[in-house]
């Protein structure tokens, strides 16, 4: 377990031997070190070619750089990171990136276009979970060396097999999988053809503001300032401690043993109120909570039943009473922070209308159904509220709680009736959610696109086509208009009752400022953190 001496020591975190941090005395952490408490037991790997969870993506974002990144002040706009400029051919197929001079890796080696080319080629060849974000453009292990190549020390050429919307491509490149790794260092640690994957699971080799110097699963991660990085006058060290219980996080914050808490509950946030001892940093997230109704079920496949469920739910009461400050009402597949989002809320609790729709479906006496849900907070409370709302309309929902892995496994096998789930966007482009919720070109078990629509047997050829057309539309304004139209149709037709979208909230002790919370985990930045 990470102790006080370990994260306060000026040297590297090699000696983790002092008594654990459980003292009652109040003592602020040093000015040059930020201690953040957060749930980080989701981490699988820090290799950008493999990292696909929330916590590791966030840490990677502070240790690596990418060609482009969303503007921190307006995530709907793309700005250059490693790339100072780029050119796109008229047919939307060839992207030429011109890299800035001076970027340096943790190792002290200058970053070149060859490192960038290697990083993308490596993602495609390893073909780990997040690789689809890059391979969806047509890159394969056989063609990627030819199509992603250098043209000089600071010029990278990316040639797409098929044209795609420019913004779509750039947002995908801004995802964590687009991080540039140090080709030389990674190559030195390659073994058995793994291209350094095993070594990078618990280490970083980037050119970001920080480098990870120590990691222990489900306990801590220590990030030290990259002496060659872009950050100026940044804190020397950021320590992230795994603390799963929000109450324990709040206690550490109150005692001064933590500077930032990342997972406080709605009640705790309410208790803080306008206290001068804390400041709150928040950002709307590209994460949605929704109820999926499996269309393989003879009752749920009736349009009137789907509509009845949507009209039975008291969305505003759930947001106000269960998830204030942390989740807000969102009734379409695009959370408000994503480009093209429609913020209309066409549904509200109308029990009489829900009963009328059930009667029209031949179910005047209601029906019984099961609803799987993830048992962690606040899902359990939301599920119980939904259950009560449905019961008022005559729908008797039996709740089936389970761990996240258990519920997801069941829905991926299409074995659910109803299920309350959470979906997070893979990259900051509307295609991520449009594809997930709307596309199902092949509803058979042999389908190659087994995501949300497929999992609930939702087949809508028009929405599938609209989603695919939008992904290749080169006119940005026309493309956004297509997504808006899709959302209008989706709300009416889909077997998804969209409930809420998440707000990420960080609480900072007095004197601590500058944590930038992004709309996706890999857009959250630590370099601005300062301590008075």
Protein backbone atom coordinates (compact mmCIF):
# COMPACT_ATOMS: atom_id res chain seq x y z
CA UNK A 1 0.00 0.00 0.00
CA UNK A 2 1.25 3.51 -0.82
CA UNK A 3 2.37 5.35 2.31
CA UNK A 4 3.04 8.95 3.25
CA UNK A 5 6.84 8.72 2.96
CA UNK A 6 6.60 7.17 -0.48
CA UNK A 7 4.58 9.87 -2.10
CA UNK A 8 6.26 12.73 -0.28
CA UNK A 9 9.82 11.61 -0.92
CA UNK A 10 11.76 13.67 -3.42
CA UNK A 11 13.45 10.65 -4.89
CA UNK A 12 11.75 7.97 -6.95
CA UNK A 13 9.16 5.77 -5.24
CA UNK A 14 11.44 2.83 -4.70
CA UNK A 15 11.21 2.62 -0.92
CA UNK A 16 7.56 1.91 -0.13
CA UNK A 17 8.18 0.94 3.48
CA UNK A 18 6.92 3.61 5.89
CA UNK A 19 3.76 3.23 8.03
CA UNK A 20 0.51 3.49 6.09
CA UNK A 21 -1.29 6.79 5.76
CA UNK A 22 -3.82 6.39 8.56
CA UNK A 23 -2.65 9.01 11.03
CA UNK A 24 -5.21 11.26 12.59
CA UNK A 25 -3.01 14.38 12.57
CA UNK A 26 -3.91 16.98 9.96
CA UNK A 27 -0.96 17.78 7.69
CA UNK A 28 -1.03 19.29 4.23
CA UNK A 29 0.86 17.60 1.42
CA UNK A 30 3.98 19.39 0.08
CA UNK A 31 3.51 22.27 -2.34
CA UNK A 32 5.30 20.52 -5.20
CA UNK A 33 3.23 17.33 -4.99
CA UNK A 34 -0.46 16.76 -5.72
CA UNK A 35 -2.18 13.77 -4.15
CA UNK A 36 -5.34 12.64 -5.89
CA UNK A 37 -7.68 9.95 -4.53
CA UNK A 38 -9.64 8.08 -7.15
CA UNK A 39 -11.01 4.65 -8.03
CA UNK A 40 -8.38 3.16 -10.36
CA UNK A 41 -8.99 -0.59 -10.12
CA UNK A 42 -10.14 -0.68 -13.76
CA UNK A 43 -6.58 -0.46 -15.12
CA UNK A 44 -5.49 -3.26 -17.45
CA UNK A 45 -2.59 -1.74 -19.38
CA UNK A 46 -0.93 1.64 -19.97
CA UNK A 47 0.18 0.70 -23.48
CA UNK A 48 -1.71 3.22 -25.68
CA UNK A 49 -2.21 0.43 -28.22
CA UNK A 50 -4.08 -1.56 -25.56
CA UNK A 51 -5.38 0.90 -22.95
CA UNK A 52 -9.18 1.04 -23.11
CA UNK A 53 -10.33 1.80 -19.57
CA UNK A 54 -11.07 5.13 -17.91
CA UNK A 55 -8.18 5.43 -15.43
CA UNK A 56 -5.31 4.28 -17.67
CA UNK A 57 -6.55 6.45 -20.54
CA UNK A 58 -6.51 9.49 -18.24
CA UNK A 59 -2.99 8.78 -16.99
CA UNK A 60 -1.73 8.12 -20.53
CA UNK A 61 -3.12 11.48 -21.60
CA UNK A 62 -0.68 13.16 -19.23
CA UNK A 63 2.31 11.04 -20.26
CA UNK A 64 1.93 10.98 -24.04
CA UNK A 65 1.26 13.45 -26.84
CA UNK A 66 -0.78 13.03 -30.00
CA UNK A 67 -0.81 14.64 -33.41
CA UNK A 68 -3.96 16.60 -32.61
CA UNK A 69 -6.15 17.25 -29.60
CA UNK A 70 -9.48 18.93 -28.88
CA UNK A 71 -9.19 22.59 -27.91
CA UNK A 72 -9.21 22.56 -24.06
CA UNK A 73 -11.56 25.56 -24.10
CA UNK A 74 -13.91 24.13 -26.74
CA UNK A 75 -13.75 20.37 -27.31
CA UNK A 76 -15.83 20.71 -30.48
CA UNK A 77 -12.75 22.18 -32.16
CA UNK A 78 -9.51 20.37 -33.02
CA UNK A 79 -6.12 21.96 -32.48
CA UNK A 80 -2.59 20.76 -33.11
CA UNK A 81 -0.51 19.06 -30.44
CA UNK A 82 2.56 17.47 -32.01
CA UNK A 83 1.33 18.69 -35.39
CA UNK A 84 1.70 22.42 -35.98
CA UNK A 85 -0.40 22.12 -39.15
CA UNK A 86 -1.88 19.54 -41.51
CA UNK A 87 -3.18 19.30 -45.05
CA UNK A 88 -6.06 17.17 -46.33
CA UNK A 89 -6.44 16.22 -49.98
CA UNK A 90 -9.67 17.30 -51.74
CA UNK A 91 -10.92 13.70 -51.81
CA UNK A 92 -10.52 13.42 -48.01
CA UNK A 93 -8.15 10.46 -48.27
CA UNK A 94 -4.63 11.81 -47.68
CA UNK A 95 -3.66 13.61 -44.47
CA UNK A 96 -0.20 15.21 -44.25
CA UNK A 97 0.91 16.26 -40.77
CA UNK A 98 3.80 18.68 -40.23
CA UNK A 99 5.26 18.16 -36.76
CA UNK A 100 6.49 20.91 -34.48
CA UNK A 101 10.21 20.94 -33.71
CA UNK A 102 11.44 20.42 -30.16
CA UNK A 103 9.17 17.68 -28.77
CA UNK A 104 11.19 15.39 -26.50
CA UNK A 105 10.52 11.97 -24.97
CA UNK A 106 11.10 11.07 -21.31
CA UNK A 107 14.32 9.45 -22.49
CA UNK A 108 15.63 12.80 -23.73
CA UNK A 109 15.41 11.74 -27.38
CA UNK A 110 13.81 14.04 -29.92
CA UNK A 111 10.43 12.91 -31.25
CA UNK A 112 10.27 12.51 -35.02
CA UNK A 113 7.73 11.56 -37.66
CA UNK A 114 9.24 8.07 -37.62
CA UNK A 115 8.05 7.65 -34.01
CA UNK A 116 4.55 8.72 -35.03
CA UNK A 117 4.46 6.35 -38.02
CA UNK A 118 5.74 3.48 -35.85
CA UNK A 119 3.10 4.19 -33.20
CA UNK A 120 0.19 3.94 -35.65
CA UNK A 121 1.67 0.95 -37.44
CA UNK A 122 2.14 -0.73 -34.07
CA UNK A 123 -1.52 -0.18 -33.10
CA UNK A 124 -2.72 -1.82 -36.30
CA UNK A 125 -0.31 -4.77 -36.10
CA UNK A 126 -0.94 -5.51 -32.41
CA UNK A 127 -4.70 -5.25 -33.03
CA UNK A 128 -5.61 -4.87 -29.36
CA UNK A 129 -9.06 -3.71 -28.19
CA UNK A 130 -8.86 0.01 -29.15
CA UNK A 131 -7.25 -0.70 -32.54
CA UNK A 132 -10.63 -0.44 -34.29
CA UNK A 133 -10.53 3.34 -33.79
CA UNK A 134 -7.70 3.38 -36.35
CA UNK A 135 -8.41 0.24 -38.38
CA UNK A 136 -11.98 1.32 -39.17
CA UNK A 137 -10.48 3.55 -41.85
CA UNK A 138 -9.19 0.51 -43.73
CA UNK A 139 -5.69 0.05 -42.32
CA UNK A 140 -4.49 -3.54 -42.01
CA UNK A 141 -1.20 -5.17 -40.95
CA UNK A 142 -0.50 -5.76 -44.64
CA UNK A 143 -1.03 -2.20 -45.88
CA UNK A 144 -0.29 0.05 -42.91
CA UNK A 145 3.48 0.42 -43.52
CA UNK A 146 2.74 1.69 -47.01
CA UNK A 147 -0.21 3.90 -46.12
CA UNK A 148 1.17 5.50 -42.93
CA UNK A 149 4.68 6.69 -43.69
CA UNK A 150 7.16 9.52 -43.24
CA UNK A 151 8.16 12.14 -45.76
CA UNK A 152 11.05 13.77 -43.97
CA UNK A 153 12.01 13.98 -40.31
CA UNK A 154 8.96 16.04 -39.31
CA UNK A 155 6.36 15.04 -41.90
CA UNK A 156 3.87 12.18 -41.53
CA UNK A 157 1.64 11.05 -44.39
CA UNK A 158 -1.52 9.08 -43.66
CA UNK A 159 -3.31 7.76 -46.73
CA UNK A 160 -6.79 6.34 -46.15
CA UNK A 161 -7.99 3.49 -48.40
CA UNK A 162 -11.40 5.20 -48.51
CA UNK A 163 -12.36 8.83 -47.96
CA UNK A 164 -13.79 9.79 -44.56
CA UNK A 165 -15.04 12.96 -42.92
CA UNK A 166 -12.05 15.07 -41.91
CA UNK A 167 -13.39 15.80 -38.42
CA UNK A 168 -14.13 12.09 -37.92
CA UNK A 169 -10.54 11.16 -38.73
CA UNK A 170 -9.02 13.90 -36.58
CA UNK A 171 -11.14 13.09 -33.54
CA UNK A 172 -10.12 9.44 -33.80
CA UNK A 173 -6.45 10.45 -33.98
CA UNK A 174 -6.96 12.54 -30.83
CA UNK A 175 -8.03 9.45 -28.87
CA UNK A 176 -5.59 7.72 -26.52
CA UNK A 177 -4.82 5.10 -29.17
CA UNK A 178 -3.26 7.94 -31.19
CA UNK A 179 -0.52 8.53 -28.58
CA UNK A 180 3.04 8.61 -29.93
CA UNK A 181 5.49 6.25 -28.20
CA UNK A 182 9.28 6.34 -28.20
CA UNK A 183 10.19 3.88 -30.97
CA UNK A 184 13.73 3.35 -29.73
CA UNK A 185 12.86 2.70 -26.08
CA UNK A 186 9.90 0.48 -26.92
CA UNK A 187 12.01 -1.45 -29.41
CA UNK A 188 14.64 -2.11 -26.77
CA UNK A 189 12.03 -3.81 -24.61
CA UNK A 190 10.29 -5.86 -27.28
CA UNK A 191 10.10 -9.60 -26.62
CA UNK A 192 8.71 -12.50 -28.58
CA UNK A 193 7.32 -10.23 -31.28
CA UNK A 194 5.15 -8.20 -28.86
CA UNK A 195 6.53 -4.82 -30.02
CA UNK A 196 7.12 -3.84 -26.38
CA UNK A 197 3.53 -4.45 -25.31
CA UNK A 198 4.32 -6.40 -22.14
CA UNK A 199 6.82 -3.78 -21.00
CA UNK A 200 4.46 -0.87 -21.69
CA UNK A 201 1.63 -2.43 -19.69
CA UNK A 202 3.06 -0.93 -16.50
CA UNK A 203 5.30 1.88 -17.84
CA UNK A 204 5.19 4.90 -20.11
CA UNK A 205 7.52 6.00 -22.91
CA UNK A 206 6.02 9.27 -24.04
CA UNK A 207 6.70 12.94 -24.55
CA UNK A 208 3.96 14.33 -22.31
CA UNK A 209 4.13 16.54 -19.25
CA UNK A 210 4.66 13.55 -16.95
CA UNK A 211 6.14 10.08 -16.99
CA UNK A 212 4.86 7.26 -14.79
CA UNK A 213 7.63 6.17 -12.44
CA UNK A 214 5.78 3.68 -10.23
CA UNK A 215 2.57 1.68 -10.44
CA UNK A 216 0.96 -0.94 -8.23
CA UNK A 217 -2.36 -2.35 -9.39
CA UNK A 218 -5.39 -1.29 -7.34
CA UNK A 219 -3.13 0.78 -5.09
CA UNK A 220 -1.33 3.71 -6.69
CA UNK A 221 0.31 5.34 -9.68
CA UNK A 222 3.09 7.93 -9.37
CA UNK A 223 3.74 10.44 -12.14
CA UNK A 224 6.88 12.58 -12.14
CA UNK A 225 7.39 15.67 -14.28
CA UNK A 226 9.07 14.92 -17.59
CA UNK A 227 12.20 17.14 -17.53
CA UNK A 228 12.04 17.26 -21.33
CA UNK A 229 8.27 17.72 -21.56
CA UNK A 230 6.22 20.69 -22.76
CA UNK A 231 4.99 21.71 -19.29
CA UNK A 232 6.52 24.78 -17.67
CA UNK A 233 6.64 25.16 -13.88
CA UNK A 234 4.39 22.12 -13.40
CA UNK A 235 4.19 20.23 -10.12
CA UNK A 236 7.09 17.85 -9.61
CA UNK A 237 4.90 14.89 -8.85
CA UNK A 238 1.28 13.71 -9.06
CA UNK A 239 0.34 10.75 -6.86
CA UNK A 240 -2.89 8.91 -7.62
CA UNK A 241 -4.08 6.68 -4.78
CA UNK A 242 -6.72 4.02 -5.30
CA UNK A 243 -9.51 4.71 -2.81
CA UNK A 244 -12.77 3.13 -3.91
CA UNK A 245 -15.06 4.36 -1.13
CA UNK A 246 -16.30 7.95 -1.62
CA UNK A 247 -16.56 8.41 2.15
CA UNK A 248 -12.89 7.46 2.58
CA UNK A 249 -11.97 9.87 -0.23
CA UNK A 250 -13.86 12.67 1.49
CA UNK A 251 -12.19 11.95 4.84
CA UNK A 252 -8.70 12.08 3.28
CA UNK A 253 -9.61 15.36 1.62
CA UNK A 254 -10.86 16.83 4.89
CA UNK A 255 -7.75 15.72 6.81
CA UNK A 256 -5.39 17.21 4.25
CA UNK A 257 -3.98 13.85 3.22
CA UNK A 258 -5.40 14.34 -0.27
CA UNK A 259 -5.55 17.44 -2.44
CA UNK A 260 -8.14 16.24 -4.95
CA UNK A 261 -11.02 13.73 -4.71
CA UNK A 262 -12.53 12.38 -7.90
CA UNK A 263 -15.47 10.13 -6.95
CA UNK A 264 -17.51 11.93 -4.31
CA UNK A 265 -21.22 11.17 -4.16
CA UNK A 266 -24.08 13.59 -4.79
CA UNK A 267 -24.75 13.80 -1.04
CA UNK A 268 -21.13 14.67 -0.31
CA UNK A 269 -21.08 17.31 -3.03
CA UNK A 270 -24.26 18.75 -1.56
CA UNK A 271 -22.68 18.87 1.91
CA UNK A 272 -19.74 20.84 0.53
CA UNK A 273 -22.11 23.45 -0.87
CA UNK A 274 -20.35 26.80 -1.16
CA UNK A 275 -17.71 26.02 1.45
CA UNK A 276 -14.58 28.19 0.99
CA UNK A 277 -12.47 25.16 1.88
CA UNK A 278 -13.12 23.49 -1.48
CA UNK A 279 -13.55 24.25 -5.15
CA UNK A 280 -15.27 22.02 -7.66
CA UNK A 281 -14.10 21.32 -11.20
CA UNK A 282 -16.66 19.64 -13.43
CA UNK A 283 -17.23 18.75 -17.04
CA UNK A 284 -20.07 17.11 -18.97
CA UNK A 285 -18.98 13.64 -20.04
CA UNK A 286 -19.58 11.62 -23.18
CA UNK A 287 -21.14 8.87 -21.03
CA UNK A 288 -24.78 7.79 -21.20
CA UNK A 289 -27.02 5.77 -18.88
CA UNK A 290 -29.84 4.03 -20.71
CA UNK A 291 -32.29 1.14 -20.67
CA UNK A 292 -32.02 -1.38 -23.51
CA UNK A 293 -35.12 -3.33 -24.47
CA UNK A 294 -34.28 -6.54 -26.31
CA UNK A 295 -36.33 -6.76 -29.51
CA UNK A 296 -36.12 -10.56 -29.44
CA UNK A 297 -38.65 -10.43 -26.63
CA UNK A 298 -42.23 -10.77 -27.95
CA UNK A 299 -43.57 -8.09 -25.60
CA UNK A 300 -40.72 -5.58 -25.87
CA UNK A 301 -40.71 -5.70 -29.66
CA UNK A 302 -44.11 -3.97 -29.70
CA UNK A 303 -43.56 -0.25 -30.45
CA UNK A 304 -46.34 0.73 -28.02
CA UNK A 305 -44.57 -1.09 -25.16
CA UNK A 306 -41.26 0.62 -25.87
CA UNK A 307 -43.04 3.98 -25.93
CA UNK A 308 -44.89 3.15 -22.71
CA UNK A 309 -41.61 2.50 -20.91
CA UNK A 310 -40.24 5.84 -22.11
CA UNK A 311 -43.33 7.72 -20.91
CA UNK A 312 -43.47 5.91 -17.55
CA UNK A 313 -40.10 7.16 -16.27
CA UNK A 314 -39.70 10.30 -14.13
CA UNK A 315 -36.40 11.49 -15.60
CA UNK A 316 -36.32 14.85 -13.82
CA UNK A 317 -37.00 13.35 -10.39
CA UNK A 318 -34.21 10.80 -10.85
CA UNK A 319 -31.72 13.52 -11.80
CA UNK A 320 -32.85 15.86 -9.03
CA UNK A 321 -33.16 13.39 -6.17
CA UNK A 322 -30.62 10.67 -6.97
CA UNK A 323 -27.89 12.14 -9.20
CA UNK A 324 -27.76 15.92 -8.64
CA UNK A 325 -24.45 17.40 -9.87
CA UNK A 326 -23.26 14.03 -11.20
CA UNK A 327 -25.77 12.94 -13.87
CA UNK A 328 -28.31 15.01 -15.80
CA UNK A 329 -31.26 14.17 -18.05
CA UNK A 330 -30.27 13.30 -21.64
CA UNK A 331 -32.73 11.57 -23.96
CA UNK A 332 -30.76 10.95 -27.12
CA UNK A 333 -27.67 8.99 -28.10
CA UNK A 334 -25.37 12.04 -28.07
CA UNK A 335 -24.54 13.58 -24.67
CA UNK A 336 -24.61 17.38 -24.71
CA UNK A 337 -20.82 17.71 -24.87
CA UNK A 338 -20.49 15.87 -28.19
CA UNK A 339 -20.67 17.75 -31.52
CA UNK A 340 -24.15 17.65 -33.04
CA UNK A 341 -25.98 16.82 -29.81
CA UNK A 342 -29.70 17.60 -29.66
CA UNK A 343 -30.72 18.71 -26.18
CA UNK A 344 -34.49 18.32 -26.57
CA UNK A 345 -36.21 16.23 -23.88
CA UNK A 346 -39.40 14.90 -25.50
CA UNK A 347 -40.27 12.45 -22.71
CA UNK A 348 -41.48 13.09 -19.16
CA UNK A 349 -43.43 11.04 -16.67
CA UNK A 350 -46.97 10.51 -17.96
CA UNK A 351 -48.37 7.37 -16.34
CA UNK A 352 -51.78 7.74 -17.97
CA UNK A 353 -50.21 7.87 -21.41
CA UNK A 354 -48.05 4.84 -20.62
CA UNK A 355 -51.14 2.86 -19.56
CA UNK A 356 -52.96 3.93 -22.70
CA UNK A 357 -50.10 2.68 -24.87
CA UNK A 358 -50.03 -0.65 -23.03
CA UNK A 359 -53.74 -1.08 -23.58
CA UNK A 360 -53.25 -0.34 -27.27
CA UNK A 361 -50.65 -3.12 -27.32
CA UNK A 362 -53.17 -5.53 -25.80
CA UNK A 363 -51.55 -5.37 -22.35
CA UNK A 364 -54.09 -3.38 -20.34
CA UNK A 365 -53.26 -5.43 -17.26
CA UNK A 366 -49.54 -4.81 -17.67
CA UNK A 367 -46.83 -7.45 -17.86
CA UNK A 368 -43.81 -8.85 -16.04
CA UNK A 369 -40.24 -8.40 -17.22
CA UNK A 370 -36.67 -8.64 -15.86
CA UNK A 371 -34.18 -5.79 -15.83
CA UNK A 372 -30.45 -6.38 -15.36
CA UNK A 373 -28.40 -3.51 -13.98
CA UNK A 374 -24.90 -2.78 -12.70
CA UNK A 375 -25.08 -2.80 -8.91
CA UNK A 376 -22.62 0.04 -8.21
CA UNK A 377 -23.70 3.55 -7.18
CA UNK A 378 -25.76 5.35 -8.42
CA UNK A 379 -27.09 2.63 -10.74
CA UNK A 380 -28.85 0.70 -7.97
CA UNK A 381 -30.85 3.71 -6.79
CA UNK A 382 -31.73 4.69 -10.36
CA UNK A 383 -32.86 1.13 -11.14
CA UNK A 384 -35.13 1.09 -8.09
CA UNK A 385 -36.66 4.43 -9.09
CA UNK A 386 -37.29 3.15 -12.62
CA UNK A 387 -38.82 -0.02 -11.19
CA UNK A 388 -41.26 2.07 -9.11
CA UNK A 389 -42.17 4.25 -12.11
CA UNK A 390 -42.83 1.24 -14.31
CA UNK A 391 -44.96 -0.39 -11.59
CA UNK A 392 -47.27 2.63 -11.56
CA UNK A 393 -47.97 2.00 -15.24
CA UNK A 394 -48.52 -1.73 -14.68
CA UNK A 395 -45.08 -3.00 -15.72
CA UNK A 396 -43.67 -5.30 -13.05
CA UNK A 397 -39.90 -5.27 -13.48
CA UNK A 398 -37.86 -7.81 -11.53
CA UNK A 399 -34.44 -6.27 -10.85
CA UNK A 400 -31.37 -8.42 -11.48
CA UNK A 401 -28.27 -6.73 -10.01
CA UNK A 402 -24.77 -7.77 -11.02
CA UNK A 403 -21.19 -6.63 -11.33
CA UNK A 404 -20.37 -4.65 -14.44
CA UNK A 405 -18.55 -7.53 -16.09
CA UNK A 406 -21.46 -9.88 -15.41
CA UNK A 407 -24.12 -7.54 -16.82
CA UNK A 408 -22.07 -6.62 -19.88
CA UNK A 409 -21.32 -10.28 -20.62
CA UNK A 410 -25.02 -11.09 -20.51
CA UNK A 411 -26.05 -8.24 -22.80
CA UNK A 412 -23.22 -8.96 -25.23
CA UNK A 413 -24.68 -12.48 -25.50
CA UNK A 414 -28.14 -10.91 -26.11
CA UNK A 415 -29.58 -12.83 -23.16
CA UNK A 416 -31.24 -9.86 -21.42
CA UNK A 417 -34.86 -8.74 -21.53
CA UNK A 418 -34.37 -5.20 -20.26
CA UNK A 419 -31.01 -3.93 -19.04
CA UNK A 420 -29.87 -0.63 -17.56
CA UNK A 421 -26.36 0.12 -18.79
CA UNK A 422 -23.74 2.84 -19.20
CA UNK A 423 -22.01 3.59 -22.48
CA UNK A 424 -18.93 5.80 -22.85
CA UNK A 425 -17.85 7.19 -26.21
CA UNK A 426 -14.65 5.71 -27.60
CA UNK A 427 -13.60 9.00 -29.20
CA UNK A 428 -14.92 12.55 -29.36
CA UNK A 429 -16.92 12.29 -32.56
CA UNK A 430 -20.65 11.63 -33.02
CA UNK A 431 -19.88 8.53 -35.07
CA UNK A 432 -18.82 6.64 -31.94
CA UNK A 433 -22.34 6.78 -30.48
CA UNK A 434 -24.24 6.84 -33.76
CA UNK A 435 -22.59 3.62 -34.84
CA UNK A 436 -23.14 1.98 -31.46
CA UNK A 437 -26.81 2.81 -31.03
CA UNK A 438 -28.00 2.94 -34.65
CA UNK A 439 -26.01 0.59 -36.88
CA UNK A 440 -27.01 -3.04 -37.25
CA UNK A 441 -26.52 -4.14 -40.87
CA UNK A 442 -26.46 -7.83 -39.93
CA UNK A 443 -28.52 -9.07 -36.98
CA UNK A 444 -27.21 -12.63 -37.25
CA UNK A 445 -24.85 -14.21 -34.75
CA UNK A 446 -22.14 -13.98 -37.42
CA UNK A 447 -22.29 -10.17 -37.56
CA UNK A 448 -18.99 -8.29 -37.48
CA UNK A 449 -20.58 -5.30 -35.73
CA UNK A 450 -21.75 -6.68 -32.41
CA UNK A 451 -22.33 -3.49 -30.50
CA UNK A 452 -25.36 -1.85 -28.89
CA UNK A 453 -28.01 -2.01 -31.61
CA UNK A 454 -27.04 -5.60 -32.44
CA UNK A 455 -27.08 -6.64 -28.79
CA UNK A 456 -30.75 -5.67 -28.48
CA UNK A 457 -31.74 -6.85 -31.99
CA UNK A 458 -32.52 -3.27 -33.07
CA UNK A 459 -32.61 -3.23 -36.85
CA UNK A 460 -33.37 0.03 -38.67
CA UNK A 461 -31.94 0.11 -42.23
CA UNK A 462 -32.54 3.84 -42.58
CA UNK A 463 -30.63 4.75 -39.43
CA UNK A 464 -27.85 2.32 -40.35
CA UNK A 465 -27.46 3.98 -43.73
CA UNK A 466 -27.65 7.49 -42.28
CA UNK A 467 -24.91 6.67 -39.79
CA UNK A 468 -22.61 5.29 -42.45
CA UNK A 469 -23.30 8.18 -44.82
CA UNK A 470 -22.54 10.71 -42.08
CA UNK A 471 -19.18 9.06 -41.33
CA UNK A 472 -18.00 9.74 -44.89
CA UNK A 473 -19.63 13.16 -45.39
CA UNK A 474 -16.88 15.71 -46.10
CA UNK A 475 -19.05 18.81 -45.55
CA UNK A 476 -18.89 19.42 -41.77
CA UNK A 477 -22.10 21.46 -41.52
CA UNK A 478 -24.05 18.93 -43.57
CA UNK A 479 -22.59 16.11 -41.46
CA UNK A 480 -23.75 17.68 -38.18
CA UNK A 481 -27.22 18.20 -39.67
CA UNK A 482 -27.33 14.48 -40.53
CA UNK A 483 -26.61 13.54 -36.92
CA UNK A 484 -29.33 15.88 -35.67
CA UNK A 485 -31.86 14.23 -37.97
CA UNK A 486 -30.69 10.80 -36.84
CA UNK A 487 -31.32 11.72 -33.22
CA UNK A 488 -34.88 12.80 -33.99
CA UNK A 489 -35.61 9.43 -35.62
CA UNK A 490 -33.74 7.50 -32.93
CA UNK A 491 -35.80 8.98 -30.11
CA UNK A 492 -38.99 7.88 -31.84
CA UNK A 493 -37.94 4.43 -33.10
CA UNK A 494 -35.24 2.93 -30.92
CA UNK A 495 -35.75 0.39 -28.12
CA UNK A 496 -33.46 2.48 -25.91
CA UNK A 497 -34.84 4.67 -23.14
CA UNK A 498 -32.03 7.19 -22.78
CA UNK A 499 -31.94 8.39 -19.17
CA UNK A 500 -28.94 10.47 -18.15
CA UNK A 501 -25.52 11.72 -19.18
CA UNK A 502 -22.67 12.01 -16.71
CA UNK A 503 -20.81 14.98 -15.28
CA UNK A 504 -17.29 14.29 -14.08
CA UNK A 505 -16.72 16.16 -10.83
CA UNK A 506 -13.43 16.74 -9.02
CA UNK A 507 -13.24 18.40 -5.60
CA UNK A 508 -10.08 20.37 -4.81
CA UNK A 509 -8.93 21.53 -1.39
CA UNK A 510 -8.50 25.24 -0.76
CA UNK A 511 -5.35 26.50 -2.45
CA UNK A 512 -5.36 23.76 -5.10
CA UNK A 513 -6.33 24.89 -8.61
CA UNK A 514 -5.90 24.08 -12.27
CA UNK A 515 -7.10 20.49 -12.75
CA UNK A 516 -8.70 20.43 -16.20
CA UNK A 517 -11.48 17.83 -16.31
CA UNK A 518 -12.22 16.84 -19.90
CA UNK A 519 -15.34 15.38 -21.56
CA UNK A 520 -13.48 12.09 -22.00
CA UNK A 521 -10.99 10.64 -19.48
CA UNK A 522 -8.13 11.04 -21.95
CA UNK A 523 -8.83 14.77 -22.24
CA UNK A 524 -8.25 15.41 -18.52
CA UNK A 525 -5.00 17.27 -17.84
CA UNK A 526 -2.82 17.58 -14.73
CA UNK A 527 -0.24 20.10 -15.99
CA UNK A 528 -2.27 23.08 -14.81
CA UNK A 529 -2.53 21.92 -11.20
CA UNK A 530 -1.06 24.46 -8.80
CA UNK A 531 -0.86 24.65 -5.01
CA UNK A 532 -0.74 27.87 -3.02
